Amino acid sequence: MKHNRAAGFAFIAFVYVVALVADVQMWRFRRANPAGGFIRQGLWRYARHPNYLGEMLMWWGVYVVALSAVPQYWWTGVGALVNTAMFLFVSIPMADRRNRQRREGIDEYCRQTNSLMPIPRVKP
C-alpha cells in the first residue's frame, strides 16, 4: 500500500503543476491581452479548461492516497466523484455559456479545442 501512497502523492504533485502552469499561462495572457480574446498557447492550445482538469485530477489523487492509508473508507471516493461531476456539469458549461455571451468566435474555438483533455484534436 505504501507504493500506492507514493504514486498518489506523485500524481497529486504532477496534476498540481498542470493546474499551476495553466493558471500562470492564463494570467500572462490576460496581462498581455487586456482586451480579451482566446488563449491558444501552452496547455490552452489543446484544452479550454486545463486548470479545471488539474483540479479534478488532484482530488482523485487525494482519494488514492487516502484509500491507500485506510482501504475500508473506499466510499470516500464519492467526494472526488461529486467534485468531477460539478466541474463537468456545472462549472464548465457555465464558463462556456458565459463565453458565448461575451465573446465572438467562441463556437469556432470550441470546435477547434477540446474541453478538458490537453491533447491535439483529431480533425474529421
N, C-alpha and C. Protein backbone atom coordinates (compact mmCIF):
# COMPACT_ATOMS: atom_id res chain seq x y z
N MET A 1 0.81 -1.21 0.00
CA MET A 1 0.00 0.00 0.00
C MET A 1 0.85 1.27 0.00
N LYS A 2 2.09 1.20 0.54
CA LYS A 2 2.93 2.40 0.56
C LYS A 2 3.28 2.86 -0.84
N HIS A 3 3.47 1.89 -1.78
CA HIS A 3 3.78 2.30 -3.15
C HIS A 3 2.58 3.01 -3.79
N ASN A 4 1.36 2.62 -3.41
CA ASN A 4 0.17 3.32 -3.91
C ASN A 4 0.14 4.75 -3.37
N ARG A 5 0.53 4.89 -2.10
CA ARG A 5 0.54 6.22 -1.49
C ARG A 5 1.57 7.11 -2.18
N ALA A 6 2.74 6.56 -2.44
CA ALA A 6 3.79 7.34 -3.12
C ALA A 6 3.34 7.71 -4.54
N ALA A 7 2.72 6.76 -5.22
CA ALA A 7 2.21 7.05 -6.56
C ALA A 7 1.13 8.12 -6.50
N GLY A 8 0.28 8.04 -5.49
CA GLY A 8 -0.77 9.05 -5.32
C GLY A 8 -0.20 10.43 -5.09
N PHE A 9 0.82 10.52 -4.23
CA PHE A 9 1.46 11.83 -3.97
C PHE A 9 2.15 12.36 -5.23
N ALA A 10 2.78 11.47 -5.98
CA ALA A 10 3.43 11.89 -7.23
C ALA A 10 2.38 12.39 -8.23
N PHE A 11 1.27 11.70 -8.30
CA PHE A 11 0.19 12.11 -9.19
C PHE A 11 -0.36 13.47 -8.77
N ILE A 12 -0.58 13.65 -7.47
CA ILE A 12 -1.07 14.94 -6.97
C ILE A 12 -0.10 16.06 -7.36
N ALA A 13 1.18 15.82 -7.16
CA ALA A 13 2.18 16.84 -7.49
C ALA A 13 2.15 17.17 -8.98
N PHE A 14 2.04 16.13 -9.81
CA PHE A 14 2.01 16.34 -11.26
C PHE A 14 0.80 17.16 -11.69
N VAL A 15 -0.39 16.77 -11.24
CA VAL A 15 -1.58 17.49 -11.69
C VAL A 15 -1.67 18.88 -11.05
N TYR A 16 -1.08 19.05 -9.87
CA TYR A 16 -0.99 20.39 -9.28
C TYR A 16 -0.16 21.29 -10.20
N VAL A 17 0.94 20.75 -10.70
CA VAL A 17 1.79 21.53 -11.61
C VAL A 17 1.03 21.85 -12.90
N VAL A 18 0.25 20.89 -13.40
CA VAL A 18 -0.57 21.14 -14.60
C VAL A 18 -1.51 22.32 -14.35
N ALA A 19 -2.23 22.29 -13.23
CA ALA A 19 -3.16 23.38 -12.91
C ALA A 19 -2.42 24.70 -12.72
N LEU A 20 -1.28 24.65 -12.06
CA LEU A 20 -0.49 25.87 -11.83
C LEU A 20 0.02 26.45 -13.14
N VAL A 21 0.56 25.60 -14.00
CA VAL A 21 1.05 26.07 -15.30
C VAL A 21 -0.10 26.70 -16.10
N ALA A 22 -1.26 26.05 -16.10
CA ALA A 22 -2.42 26.59 -16.83
C ALA A 22 -2.82 27.96 -16.27
N ASP A 23 -2.85 28.09 -14.95
CA ASP A 23 -3.22 29.37 -14.35
C ASP A 23 -2.20 30.46 -14.66
N VAL A 24 -0.91 30.13 -14.62
CA VAL A 24 0.13 31.12 -14.94
C VAL A 24 0.05 31.52 -16.41
N GLN A 25 -0.18 30.55 -17.28
CA GLN A 25 -0.32 30.87 -18.70
C GLN A 25 -1.51 31.80 -18.93
N MET A 26 -2.63 31.55 -18.26
CA MET A 26 -3.80 32.42 -18.42
C MET A 26 -3.53 33.81 -17.84
N TRP A 27 -2.88 33.87 -16.70
CA TRP A 27 -2.55 35.16 -16.08
C TRP A 27 -1.68 35.99 -17.02
N ARG A 28 -0.67 35.37 -17.60
CA ARG A 28 0.21 36.08 -18.54
C ARG A 28 -0.54 36.54 -19.78
N PHE A 29 -1.42 35.68 -20.28
CA PHE A 29 -2.20 36.03 -21.47
C PHE A 29 -3.10 37.22 -21.18
N ARG A 30 -3.77 37.21 -20.05
CA ARG A 30 -4.68 38.32 -19.71
C ARG A 30 -3.91 39.62 -19.50
N ARG A 31 -2.72 39.52 -18.93
CA ARG A 31 -1.89 40.72 -18.76
C ARG A 31 -1.47 41.29 -20.11
N ALA A 32 -1.13 40.43 -21.05
CA ALA A 32 -0.67 40.86 -22.37
C ALA A 32 -1.82 41.23 -23.30
N ASN A 33 -3.04 40.76 -22.98
CA ASN A 33 -4.20 40.99 -23.85
C ASN A 33 -5.39 41.48 -23.03
N PRO A 34 -5.32 42.71 -22.52
CA PRO A 34 -6.41 43.19 -21.67
C PRO A 34 -7.75 43.29 -22.40
N ALA A 35 -7.73 43.33 -23.74
CA ALA A 35 -8.99 43.41 -24.49
C ALA A 35 -9.66 42.05 -24.60
N GLY A 36 -8.96 41.00 -24.22
CA GLY A 36 -9.57 39.67 -24.24
C GLY A 36 -9.05 38.82 -25.38
N GLY A 37 -9.91 37.95 -25.87
CA GLY A 37 -9.53 37.01 -26.90
C GLY A 37 -9.45 35.61 -26.32
N PHE A 38 -8.95 34.69 -27.12
CA PHE A 38 -8.84 33.31 -26.68
C PHE A 38 -7.37 32.93 -26.60
N ILE A 39 -7.00 32.36 -25.50
CA ILE A 39 -5.63 31.90 -25.35
C ILE A 39 -5.49 30.60 -26.15
N ARG A 40 -4.51 30.59 -27.02
CA ARG A 40 -4.28 29.43 -27.88
C ARG A 40 -2.81 29.03 -27.84
N GLN A 41 -2.25 29.09 -26.66
CA GLN A 41 -0.85 28.71 -26.49
C GLN A 41 -0.69 27.90 -25.21
N GLY A 42 0.40 27.18 -25.14
CA GLY A 42 0.63 26.35 -23.96
C GLY A 42 -0.44 25.27 -23.86
N LEU A 43 -0.83 24.93 -22.64
CA LEU A 43 -1.87 23.92 -22.43
C LEU A 43 -3.20 24.35 -23.04
N TRP A 44 -3.42 25.65 -23.11
CA TRP A 44 -4.68 26.20 -23.62
C TRP A 44 -4.80 26.03 -25.13
N ARG A 45 -3.74 25.69 -25.78
CA ARG A 45 -3.80 25.42 -27.21
C ARG A 45 -4.64 24.17 -27.47
N TYR A 46 -4.61 23.25 -26.52
CA TYR A 46 -5.27 21.97 -26.70
C TYR A 46 -6.53 21.78 -25.86
N ALA A 47 -6.72 22.62 -24.84
CA ALA A 47 -7.88 22.45 -23.96
C ALA A 47 -8.40 23.81 -23.51
N ARG A 48 -9.72 23.92 -23.42
CA ARG A 48 -10.32 25.17 -22.95
C ARG A 48 -10.27 25.31 -21.44
N HIS A 49 -10.12 24.20 -20.72
CA HIS A 49 -10.15 24.24 -19.26
C HIS A 49 -9.08 23.34 -18.63
N PRO A 50 -7.81 23.51 -18.99
CA PRO A 50 -6.78 22.63 -18.42
C PRO A 50 -6.61 22.83 -16.91
N ASN A 51 -6.91 24.01 -16.42
CA ASN A 51 -6.83 24.26 -14.98
C ASN A 51 -7.90 23.45 -14.23
N TYR A 52 -9.08 23.34 -14.82
CA TYR A 52 -10.13 22.53 -14.20
C TYR A 52 -9.74 21.05 -14.19
N LEU A 53 -9.11 20.61 -15.27
CA LEU A 53 -8.66 19.21 -15.34
C LEU A 53 -7.67 18.93 -14.21
N GLY A 54 -6.71 19.83 -14.01
CA GLY A 54 -5.75 19.65 -12.93
C GLY A 54 -6.42 19.59 -11.57
N GLU A 55 -7.40 20.45 -11.36
CA GLU A 55 -8.13 20.47 -10.09
C GLU A 55 -8.90 19.16 -9.86
N MET A 56 -9.59 18.70 -10.89
CA MET A 56 -10.36 17.45 -10.74
C MET A 56 -9.43 16.27 -10.44
N LEU A 57 -8.36 16.18 -11.22
CA LEU A 57 -7.45 15.04 -11.04
C LEU A 57 -6.72 15.10 -9.71
N MET A 58 -6.47 16.30 -9.20
CA MET A 58 -5.83 16.42 -7.90
C MET A 58 -6.67 15.73 -6.82
N TRP A 59 -7.98 15.94 -6.86
CA TRP A 59 -8.85 15.32 -5.86
C TRP A 59 -8.92 13.81 -6.02
N TRP A 60 -8.78 13.30 -7.24
CA TRP A 60 -8.70 11.85 -7.43
C TRP A 60 -7.39 11.32 -6.84
N GLY A 61 -6.33 12.10 -6.97
CA GLY A 61 -5.06 11.72 -6.34
C GLY A 61 -5.16 11.69 -4.82
N VAL A 62 -5.84 12.67 -4.25
CA VAL A 62 -6.07 12.69 -2.80
C VAL A 62 -6.84 11.44 -2.38
N TYR A 63 -7.81 11.06 -3.19
CA TYR A 63 -8.58 9.85 -2.89
C TYR A 63 -7.68 8.61 -2.91
N VAL A 64 -6.81 8.51 -3.89
CA VAL A 64 -5.90 7.35 -3.97
C VAL A 64 -5.00 7.29 -2.73
N VAL A 65 -4.48 8.44 -2.31
CA VAL A 65 -3.63 8.47 -1.12
C VAL A 65 -4.43 8.06 0.10
N ALA A 66 -5.62 8.60 0.26
CA ALA A 66 -6.46 8.26 1.42
C ALA A 66 -6.84 6.79 1.40
N LEU A 67 -7.17 6.28 0.23
CA LEU A 67 -7.55 4.88 0.10
C LEU A 67 -6.39 3.95 0.44
N SER A 68 -5.18 4.35 0.06
CA SER A 68 -4.03 3.51 0.38
C SER A 68 -3.75 3.51 1.88
N ALA A 69 -4.15 4.57 2.58
CA ALA A 69 -3.94 4.63 4.03
C ALA A 69 -5.04 3.90 4.78
N VAL A 70 -6.28 4.03 4.32
CA VAL A 70 -7.42 3.42 5.01
C VAL A 70 -8.36 2.81 3.96
N PRO A 71 -8.05 1.60 3.48
CA PRO A 71 -8.82 1.00 2.40
C PRO A 71 -10.31 0.82 2.71
N GLN A 72 -10.66 0.64 3.97
CA GLN A 72 -12.08 0.43 4.29
C GLN A 72 -12.92 1.69 4.07
N TYR A 73 -12.27 2.82 3.84
CA TYR A 73 -13.01 4.05 3.55
C TYR A 73 -13.10 4.29 2.03
N TRP A 74 -13.23 3.22 1.27
CA TRP A 74 -13.31 3.30 -0.18
C TRP A 74 -14.43 4.22 -0.64
N TRP A 75 -15.48 4.30 0.13
CA TRP A 75 -16.66 5.07 -0.23
C TRP A 75 -16.40 6.58 -0.24
N THR A 76 -15.26 7.02 0.32
CA THR A 76 -14.97 8.46 0.32
C THR A 76 -14.66 8.98 -1.08
N GLY A 77 -14.52 8.07 -2.03
CA GLY A 77 -14.34 8.48 -3.42
C GLY A 77 -15.53 9.26 -3.96
N VAL A 78 -16.64 9.20 -3.24
CA VAL A 78 -17.82 9.97 -3.63
C VAL A 78 -17.48 11.46 -3.69
N GLY A 79 -16.59 11.91 -2.81
CA GLY A 79 -16.20 13.33 -2.81
C GLY A 79 -15.53 13.72 -4.12
N ALA A 80 -14.58 12.91 -4.57
CA ALA A 80 -13.90 13.18 -5.84
C ALA A 80 -14.88 13.07 -7.01
N LEU A 81 -15.79 12.11 -6.91
CA LEU A 81 -16.79 11.92 -7.95
C LEU A 81 -17.73 13.13 -8.05
N VAL A 82 -18.18 13.63 -6.91
CA VAL A 82 -19.06 14.81 -6.90
C VAL A 82 -18.31 16.03 -7.42
N ASN A 83 -17.04 16.17 -7.02
CA ASN A 83 -16.22 17.27 -7.50
C ASN A 83 -16.11 17.23 -9.02
N THR A 84 -15.83 16.05 -9.56
CA THR A 84 -15.72 15.88 -11.01
C THR A 84 -17.05 16.21 -11.69
N ALA A 85 -18.14 15.71 -11.14
CA ALA A 85 -19.46 15.99 -11.71
C ALA A 85 -19.77 17.48 -11.69
N MET A 86 -19.39 18.16 -10.62
CA MET A 86 -19.64 19.61 -10.55
C MET A 86 -18.89 20.35 -11.65
N PHE A 87 -17.65 19.96 -11.90
CA PHE A 87 -16.90 20.60 -12.98
C PHE A 87 -17.51 20.27 -14.34
N LEU A 88 -17.83 19.00 -14.56
CA LEU A 88 -18.33 18.58 -15.87
C LEU A 88 -19.72 19.12 -16.19
N PHE A 89 -20.59 19.18 -15.17
CA PHE A 89 -21.99 19.52 -15.43
C PHE A 89 -22.41 20.91 -14.96
N VAL A 90 -21.53 21.60 -14.22
CA VAL A 90 -21.88 22.94 -13.75
C VAL A 90 -20.82 23.95 -14.19
N SER A 91 -19.60 23.84 -13.68
CA SER A 91 -18.57 24.86 -13.92
C SER A 91 -18.20 25.03 -15.38
N ILE A 92 -17.93 23.92 -16.07
CA ILE A 92 -17.51 24.02 -17.47
C ILE A 92 -18.65 24.53 -18.35
N PRO A 93 -19.86 23.96 -18.26
CA PRO A 93 -20.95 24.52 -19.07
C PRO A 93 -21.22 25.99 -18.75
N MET A 94 -21.12 26.38 -17.47
CA MET A 94 -21.36 27.76 -17.09
C MET A 94 -20.29 28.68 -17.70
N ALA A 95 -19.04 28.27 -17.66
CA ALA A 95 -17.96 29.08 -18.24
C ALA A 95 -18.14 29.19 -19.76
N ASP A 96 -18.49 28.09 -20.40
CA ASP A 96 -18.70 28.13 -21.85
C ASP A 96 -19.90 29.01 -22.21
N ARG A 97 -20.97 28.93 -21.42
CA ARG A 97 -22.14 29.79 -21.66
C ARG A 97 -21.77 31.26 -21.50
N ARG A 98 -21.03 31.57 -20.45
CA ARG A 98 -20.61 32.95 -20.22
C ARG A 98 -19.74 33.45 -21.38
N ASN A 99 -18.85 32.60 -21.87
CA ASN A 99 -18.01 32.99 -23.01
C ASN A 99 -18.84 33.20 -24.27
N ARG A 100 -19.88 32.39 -24.46
CA ARG A 100 -20.74 32.56 -25.63
C ARG A 100 -21.47 33.90 -25.60
N GLN A 101 -21.80 34.36 -24.40
CA GLN A 101 -22.49 35.64 -24.27
C GLN A 101 -21.55 36.82 -24.47
N ARG A 102 -20.29 36.65 -24.14
CA ARG A 102 -19.36 37.78 -24.12
C ARG A 102 -18.37 37.83 -25.28
N ARG A 103 -18.15 36.73 -25.95
CA ARG A 103 -17.07 36.69 -26.93
C ARG A 103 -17.53 36.17 -28.28
N GLU A 104 -17.11 36.86 -29.30
CA GLU A 104 -17.37 36.37 -30.66
C GLU A 104 -16.33 35.31 -30.98
N GLY A 105 -16.72 34.37 -31.82
CA GLY A 105 -15.79 33.34 -32.25
C GLY A 105 -15.70 32.14 -31.31
N ILE A 106 -16.54 32.11 -30.29
CA ILE A 106 -16.47 31.03 -29.31
C ILE A 106 -16.84 29.68 -29.92
N ASP A 107 -17.82 29.67 -30.84
CA ASP A 107 -18.23 28.40 -31.43
C ASP A 107 -17.08 27.77 -32.21
N GLU A 108 -16.37 28.57 -32.97
CA GLU A 108 -15.21 28.06 -33.71
C GLU A 108 -14.13 27.58 -32.75
N TYR A 109 -13.89 28.37 -31.72
CA TYR A 109 -12.89 27.99 -30.70
C TYR A 109 -13.26 26.65 -30.06
N CYS A 110 -14.53 26.46 -29.73
CA CYS A 110 -14.98 25.21 -29.13
C CYS A 110 -14.84 24.04 -30.10
N ARG A 111 -15.09 24.27 -31.38
CA ARG A 111 -14.92 23.20 -32.36
C ARG A 111 -13.46 22.80 -32.51
N GLN A 112 -12.56 23.76 -32.35
CA GLN A 112 -11.14 23.53 -32.57
C GLN A 112 -10.40 23.04 -31.32
N THR A 113 -11.00 23.22 -30.14
CA THR A 113 -10.29 22.97 -28.90
C THR A 113 -11.08 22.05 -27.99
N ASN A 114 -10.45 21.00 -27.50
CA ASN A 114 -11.09 20.09 -26.55
C ASN A 114 -11.50 20.84 -25.30
N SER A 115 -12.49 20.34 -24.63
CA SER A 115 -12.94 20.96 -23.39
C SER A 115 -11.92 20.76 -22.27
N LEU A 116 -11.51 19.52 -22.05
CA LEU A 116 -10.64 19.21 -20.92
C LEU A 116 -9.28 18.62 -21.27
N MET A 117 -9.26 17.65 -22.11
CA MET A 117 -8.02 16.91 -22.35
C MET A 117 -7.05 17.72 -23.21
N PRO A 118 -5.89 18.05 -22.68
CA PRO A 118 -4.93 18.84 -23.44
C PRO A 118 -4.13 17.99 -24.43
N ILE A 119 -4.86 17.50 -25.42
CA ILE A 119 -4.25 16.70 -26.49
C ILE A 119 -4.71 17.29 -27.81
N PRO A 120 -3.91 17.11 -28.86
CA PRO A 120 -4.34 17.64 -30.15
C PRO A 120 -5.68 17.03 -30.58
N ARG A 121 -6.50 17.86 -31.14
CA ARG A 121 -7.82 17.42 -31.60
C ARG A 121 -7.68 16.77 -32.97
N VAL A 122 -8.33 15.64 -33.12
CA VAL A 122 -8.31 14.95 -34.41
C VAL A 122 -9.33 15.62 -35.32
N LYS A 123 -8.87 16.04 -36.47
CA LYS A 123 -9.76 16.73 -37.40
C LYS A 123 -10.54 15.71 -38.21
N PRO A 124 -11.86 15.91 -38.37
CA PRO A 124 -12.69 14.96 -39.13
C PRO A 124 -12.36 14.95 -40.60
